[in-house]
Amino acid sequence: MSYMAIPDITASDLNIGTGTSESNELSVTQFGGGATMGESFPLYLEGALGYSRYDPQFLVSNGTETRRIPTKWNSLTATGGIGWDVTLWRDNRGGNLVLRPIANVMLGTLASDARIGAWVIDRRTNADFDFLDGGRLNAYGLGGSLMLDYELVSKPQDVDIELRYSGMKIQTFANTSRAVEGHAKAHNLGLYLRRRAPISDWTLLKSPVRYVLEGAHTEYLGDQRGTLGFNSLSSVGVGIELDSSKYPVFITRTRLVARYMFGEDTSGYGIGLAMSF
């Protein structure tokens, strides 16, 4: 759950398996966004929703017969953040460097929707199996982030560089199955870079079509470090951006980016869709 609690582009579409038909699989999906209200009132708001599915399998035996018990754990989280931009530096090219402290809060729930059946219940009556048979985990998280953000907005190109440290303590509460009560500390340090620039004289929707180059790296700390077999994840991406600001629609820009992600013994790819309002 901690991989969904903190906004993180490298873990926004994470699928892990062993590559076999009987593999234990973990799928994590996260989407969200953030924006500063304006220069005169630099209040920053962000929000993210995350969903994950984990499919572990257990073997149960009565001494003569062994059965494989497939389970499915589904988790949903919602994270919100409020911050304030402190301008550190501006230049005459349109560049702006801000320091952004952010307070974050998270609510999440995880449910085991397996029904392991009387064959197992008759032989196992401990708390672990009570959780597997339709148990639930509810959790909340409190924490904060500190971001250093540089943005350059100009006609030749737009550049965005973000360095962010985030930390959150996650604690179970209310109606949580006894077997999974506990807490975790999620900490990570992330770097994100993006450059957008027009593609020659190519125009669409009365505006230049832009190419997008992107890079990101997240270093996992605290209880996240090594939990999924890696200490960090990186991604590189390339895509295009369409500008619809000349039309009376609330979406001003739409970006489609293909990303390649990699880490220790981990690699993969994904497609990202982003919109500006």
Protein backbone atom coordinates (compact mmCIF):
# COMPACT_ATOMS: atom_id res chain seq x y z
CA MET A 1 0.00 0.00 0.00
CA SER A 2 2.89 2.38 0.63
CA TYR A 3 3.80 2.37 -3.09
CA MET A 4 0.42 4.01 -3.79
CA ALA A 5 0.39 6.36 -0.81
CA ILE A 6 3.01 8.77 -2.21
CA PRO A 7 2.76 10.23 -5.75
CA ASP A 8 5.50 8.49 -7.76
CA ILE A 9 5.70 8.40 -11.55
CA THR A 10 8.05 5.39 -11.65
CA ALA A 11 5.56 3.23 -9.71
CA SER A 12 2.42 4.64 -11.33
CA ASP A 13 1.98 1.50 -13.46
CA LEU A 14 3.88 -1.36 -11.86
CA ASN A 15 3.30 -5.04 -12.63
CA ILE A 16 5.54 -7.69 -11.09
CA GLY A 17 5.53 -11.45 -11.67
CA THR A 18 7.94 -14.35 -12.05
CA GLY A 19 7.00 -15.01 -15.66
CA THR A 20 5.37 -18.38 -15.01
CA SER A 21 1.70 -19.28 -15.19
CA GLU A 22 1.65 -19.90 -11.42
CA SER A 23 3.49 -16.70 -10.52
CA ASN A 24 2.62 -14.47 -7.62
CA GLU A 25 1.61 -11.22 -9.26
CA LEU A 26 1.43 -7.64 -8.02
CA SER A 27 -0.18 -4.87 -10.06
CA VAL A 28 -0.08 -1.23 -8.95
CA THR A 29 -1.81 1.62 -10.77
CA GLN A 30 -1.74 5.24 -9.65
CA PHE A 31 -3.00 8.45 -11.20
CA GLY A 32 -3.28 11.99 -9.92
CA GLY A 33 -2.09 15.55 -10.34
CA GLY A 34 -1.21 18.80 -8.68
CA ALA A 35 -1.25 22.51 -9.41
CA THR A 36 -0.46 25.90 -7.88
CA MET A 37 -3.47 28.21 -7.77
CA GLY A 38 -1.57 31.25 -9.08
CA GLU A 39 1.35 33.63 -8.57
CA SER A 40 -0.64 36.00 -6.38
CA PHE A 41 -1.91 33.13 -4.19
CA PRO A 42 0.66 30.30 -4.48
CA LEU A 43 -1.36 27.60 -2.73
CA TYR A 44 -0.46 24.14 -4.04
CA LEU A 45 -2.97 21.29 -4.09
CA GLU A 46 -2.41 17.69 -5.16
CA GLY A 47 -4.34 14.46 -5.14
CA ALA A 48 -3.83 10.85 -6.23
CA LEU A 49 -5.81 7.63 -6.39
CA GLY A 50 -4.14 4.22 -6.34
CA TYR A 51 -5.31 0.67 -6.96
CA SER A 52 -3.40 -2.56 -6.52
CA ARG A 53 -4.06 -6.27 -6.82
CA TYR A 54 -1.87 -8.92 -5.25
CA ASP A 55 -2.42 -12.59 -6.09
CA PRO A 56 -0.45 -14.77 -3.68
CA GLN A 57 -1.17 -18.50 -3.54
CA PHE A 58 -0.98 -20.74 -0.50
CA LEU A 59 -0.54 -24.50 -0.19
CA VAL A 60 -2.62 -26.25 2.48
CA SER A 61 -2.19 -29.93 3.35
CA ASN A 62 -3.91 -32.39 5.67
CA GLY A 63 -0.97 -34.80 5.46
CA THR A 64 -2.30 -36.86 2.57
CA GLU A 65 -3.81 -34.25 0.29
CA THR A 66 -2.47 -30.85 -0.74
CA ARG A 67 -4.50 -28.06 -2.26
CA ARG A 68 -3.47 -24.75 -3.76
CA ILE A 69 -5.49 -21.87 -2.35
CA PRO A 70 -5.53 -18.87 -4.72
CA THR A 71 -6.21 -15.56 -3.02
CA LYS A 72 -6.76 -12.07 -4.32
CA TRP A 73 -6.06 -8.93 -2.32
CA ASN A 74 -7.45 -5.67 -3.75
CA SER A 75 -6.34 -2.34 -2.36
CA LEU A 76 -7.58 1.22 -2.95
CA THR A 77 -5.97 4.41 -1.63
CA ALA A 78 -6.65 8.14 -1.86
CA THR A 79 -3.93 10.69 -1.07
CA GLY A 80 -4.29 14.45 -0.75
CA GLY A 81 -1.76 17.19 -0.23
CA ILE A 82 -1.70 20.91 0.47
CA GLY A 83 1.37 23.10 0.19
CA TRP A 84 2.71 26.58 -0.40
CA ASP A 85 5.18 27.84 -3.01
CA VAL A 86 8.09 29.93 -1.76
CA THR A 87 9.82 31.61 -4.70
CA LEU A 88 13.61 31.36 -4.44
CA TRP A 89 14.64 32.76 -7.82
CA ARG A 90 13.31 34.09 -11.14
CA ASP A 91 15.09 34.93 -14.38
CA ASN A 92 14.19 37.06 -17.39
CA ARG A 93 13.75 34.00 -19.64
CA GLY A 94 10.67 32.82 -17.74
CA GLY A 95 12.41 30.49 -15.31
CA ASN A 96 11.04 30.10 -11.80
CA LEU A 97 12.57 28.16 -8.87
CA VAL A 98 10.32 27.47 -5.88
CA LEU A 99 10.58 25.57 -2.61
CA ARG A 100 7.32 23.75 -1.89
CA PRO A 101 6.57 22.19 1.53
CA ILE A 102 3.53 19.88 1.37
CA ALA A 103 1.41 18.20 4.06
CA ASN A 104 -0.06 14.84 2.99
CA VAL A 105 -2.83 12.58 4.25
CA MET A 106 -3.86 9.13 2.95
CA LEU A 107 -6.78 6.76 3.47
CA GLY A 108 -6.71 3.21 2.17
CA THR A 109 -8.47 -0.11 2.37
CA LEU A 110 -7.46 -3.64 1.37
CA ALA A 111 -9.81 -6.61 1.11
CA SER A 112 -9.21 -10.31 0.65
CA ASP A 113 -11.99 -11.51 -1.63
CA ALA A 114 -11.03 -15.18 -1.59
CA ARG A 115 -13.40 -17.72 -0.13
CA ILE A 116 -11.11 -20.51 0.95
CA GLY A 117 -13.92 -22.94 1.79
CA ALA A 118 -14.84 -25.42 4.49
CA TRP A 119 -12.05 -27.86 3.54
CA VAL A 120 -9.51 -25.33 4.84
CA ILE A 121 -11.58 -23.80 7.64
CA ASP A 122 -12.06 -27.23 9.22
CA ARG A 123 -8.28 -27.63 9.45
CA ARG A 124 -7.09 -24.07 10.10
CA THR A 125 -8.79 -21.73 12.56
CA ASN A 126 -6.09 -19.13 13.30
CA ALA A 127 -6.19 -15.40 12.59
CA ASP A 128 -4.19 -15.68 9.37
CA PHE A 129 -6.88 -17.80 7.74
CA ASP A 130 -9.63 -15.59 9.15
CA PHE A 131 -8.09 -12.75 7.14
CA LEU A 132 -7.76 -14.83 3.97
CA ASP A 133 -11.44 -15.73 4.14
CA GLY A 134 -12.82 -12.27 3.30
CA GLY A 135 -10.75 -10.22 5.76
CA ARG A 136 -10.03 -6.49 5.53
CA LEU A 137 -7.26 -3.99 6.28
CA ASN A 138 -8.04 -0.29 6.75
CA ALA A 139 -5.22 2.23 7.05
CA TYR A 140 -4.52 5.93 7.23
CA GLY A 141 -1.29 7.79 6.60
CA LEU A 142 0.09 11.14 7.75
CA GLY A 143 3.24 12.72 6.38
CA GLY A 144 4.73 15.41 4.25
CA SER A 145 6.95 16.27 1.33
CA LEU A 146 9.52 18.90 0.45
CA MET A 147 9.87 19.73 -3.23
CA LEU A 148 12.35 21.89 -5.13
CA ASP A 149 10.71 22.78 -8.46
CA TYR A 150 12.21 24.64 -11.41
CA GLU A 151 9.97 25.58 -14.33
CA LEU A 152 10.92 27.36 -17.53
CA VAL A 153 8.03 28.33 -19.82
CA SER A 154 9.08 29.89 -23.13
CA LYS A 155 8.24 29.79 -26.81
CA PRO A 156 11.27 27.63 -27.82
CA GLN A 157 10.82 25.09 -25.02
CA ASP A 158 9.30 24.26 -21.64
CA VAL A 159 11.49 22.64 -18.98
CA ASP A 160 10.36 21.18 -15.66
CA ILE A 161 12.75 19.76 -13.02
CA GLU A 162 11.47 18.46 -9.68
CA LEU A 163 13.39 17.07 -6.72
CA ARG A 164 11.09 15.70 -4.03
CA TYR A 165 11.54 13.98 -0.68
CA SER A 166 8.40 12.38 0.78
CA GLY A 167 7.74 10.59 4.03
CA MET A 168 4.59 9.07 5.49
CA LYS A 169 3.69 6.79 8.38
CA ILE A 170 0.87 4.37 7.59
CA GLN A 171 -1.15 2.85 10.44
CA THR A 172 -4.01 0.35 10.46
CA PHE A 173 -7.22 1.29 12.21
CA ALA A 174 -10.90 0.31 12.66
CA ASN A 175 -12.36 -3.01 11.50
CA THR A 176 -8.92 -4.35 10.50
CA SER A 177 -8.41 -8.11 10.76
CA ARG A 178 -6.20 -8.94 13.73
CA ALA A 179 -3.67 -10.87 11.61
CA VAL A 180 -2.73 -7.77 9.57
CA GLU A 181 -2.71 -5.02 12.18
CA GLY A 182 0.46 -2.94 12.06
CA HIS A 183 2.23 0.07 10.58
CA ALA A 184 4.78 0.97 7.92
CA LYS A 185 7.01 3.93 7.11
CA ALA A 186 7.14 5.04 3.48
CA HIS A 187 10.02 7.30 2.46
CA ASN A 188 11.36 8.07 -0.99
CA LEU A 189 13.50 10.57 -2.84
CA GLY A 190 12.52 11.30 -6.42
CA LEU A 191 13.93 13.28 -9.34
CA TYR A 192 11.77 14.16 -12.35
CA LEU A 193 12.82 15.94 -15.57
CA ARG A 194 10.74 16.91 -18.60
CA ARG A 195 11.42 18.94 -21.76
CA ARG A 196 8.75 19.93 -24.26
CA ALA A 197 9.48 21.67 -27.56
CA PRO A 198 7.71 22.19 -30.93
CA ILE A 199 8.28 19.68 -33.72
CA SER A 200 9.52 21.93 -36.54
CA ASP A 201 6.52 23.62 -38.24
CA TRP A 202 4.03 20.84 -37.52
CA THR A 203 0.73 22.27 -36.26
CA LEU A 204 -2.53 20.66 -35.18
CA LEU A 205 -5.57 22.20 -33.49
CA LYS A 206 -4.19 25.62 -34.56
CA SER A 207 -1.15 25.14 -32.32
CA PRO A 208 2.34 23.60 -32.64
CA VAL A 209 2.66 19.88 -31.91
CA ARG A 210 5.37 19.29 -29.31
CA TYR A 211 7.61 16.37 -28.57
CA VAL A 212 8.13 15.36 -24.94
CA LEU A 213 11.30 13.95 -23.39
CA GLU A 214 11.08 12.68 -19.84
CA GLY A 215 13.21 11.05 -17.19
CA ALA A 216 12.60 10.02 -13.58
CA HIS A 217 14.38 8.24 -10.75
CA THR A 218 13.01 7.21 -7.36
CA GLU A 219 15.14 5.97 -4.47
CA TYR A 220 13.07 4.01 -1.96
CA LEU A 221 13.90 4.37 1.72
CA GLY A 222 12.44 3.15 4.99
CA ASP A 223 10.23 0.04 4.92
CA GLN A 224 9.89 0.25 1.13
CA ARG A 225 13.57 -0.38 0.50
CA GLY A 226 14.06 -3.86 -0.93
CA THR A 227 10.47 -4.95 -0.21
CA LEU A 228 9.73 -5.76 -3.88
CA GLY A 229 13.28 -6.81 -4.76
CA PHE A 230 14.68 -3.39 -5.69
CA ASN A 231 15.88 -0.26 -3.91
CA SER A 232 15.15 2.16 -6.75
CA LEU A 233 13.31 2.53 -10.04
CA SER A 234 14.13 4.68 -13.06
CA SER A 235 12.22 5.53 -16.20
CA VAL A 236 12.84 7.29 -19.51
CA GLY A 237 10.07 8.39 -21.81
CA VAL A 238 9.28 9.97 -25.16
CA GLY A 239 5.96 11.22 -26.46
CA ILE A 240 3.92 13.97 -28.08
CA GLU A 241 1.76 16.79 -26.79
CA LEU A 242 -1.28 18.43 -28.37
CA ASP A 243 -2.31 21.99 -27.47
CA SER A 244 -6.06 22.65 -27.49
CA SER A 245 -5.95 26.04 -25.74
CA LYS A 246 -7.25 27.83 -28.85
CA TYR A 247 -10.60 26.05 -28.44
CA PRO A 248 -13.30 26.57 -25.77
CA VAL A 249 -12.50 23.37 -23.86
CA PHE A 250 -11.26 22.97 -20.28
CA ILE A 251 -8.37 20.66 -21.32
CA THR A 252 -5.56 22.87 -22.65
CA ARG A 253 -2.86 20.25 -23.29
CA THR A 254 -2.83 16.46 -23.71
CA ARG A 255 0.36 14.38 -23.51
CA LEU A 256 0.88 10.75 -24.48
CA VAL A 257 4.22 9.33 -23.30
CA ALA A 258 5.75 5.86 -23.74
CA ARG A 259 8.08 4.93 -20.88
CA TYR A 260 10.70 2.27 -20.27
CA MET A 261 11.21 1.48 -16.58
CA PHE A 262 14.10 -0.38 -14.98
CA GLY A 263 15.68 -1.22 -11.63
CA GLU A 264 17.53 -4.06 -9.89
CA ASP A 265 16.38 -7.28 -11.62
CA THR A 266 13.31 -5.36 -12.82
CA SER A 267 12.39 -3.90 -16.19
CA GLY A 268 9.24 -3.05 -18.11
CA TYR A 269 7.36 -0.47 -20.08
CA GLY A 270 4.23 1.59 -19.82
CA ILE A 271 2.08 4.23 -21.48
CA GLY A 272 1.21 7.44 -19.67
CA LEU A 273 -1.59 9.92 -20.43
CA ALA A 274 -1.51 13.40 -18.88
CA MET A 275 -3.71 16.45 -19.27
CA SER A 276 -3.33 20.10 -18.29
CA PHE A 277 -6.29 22.28 -17.38
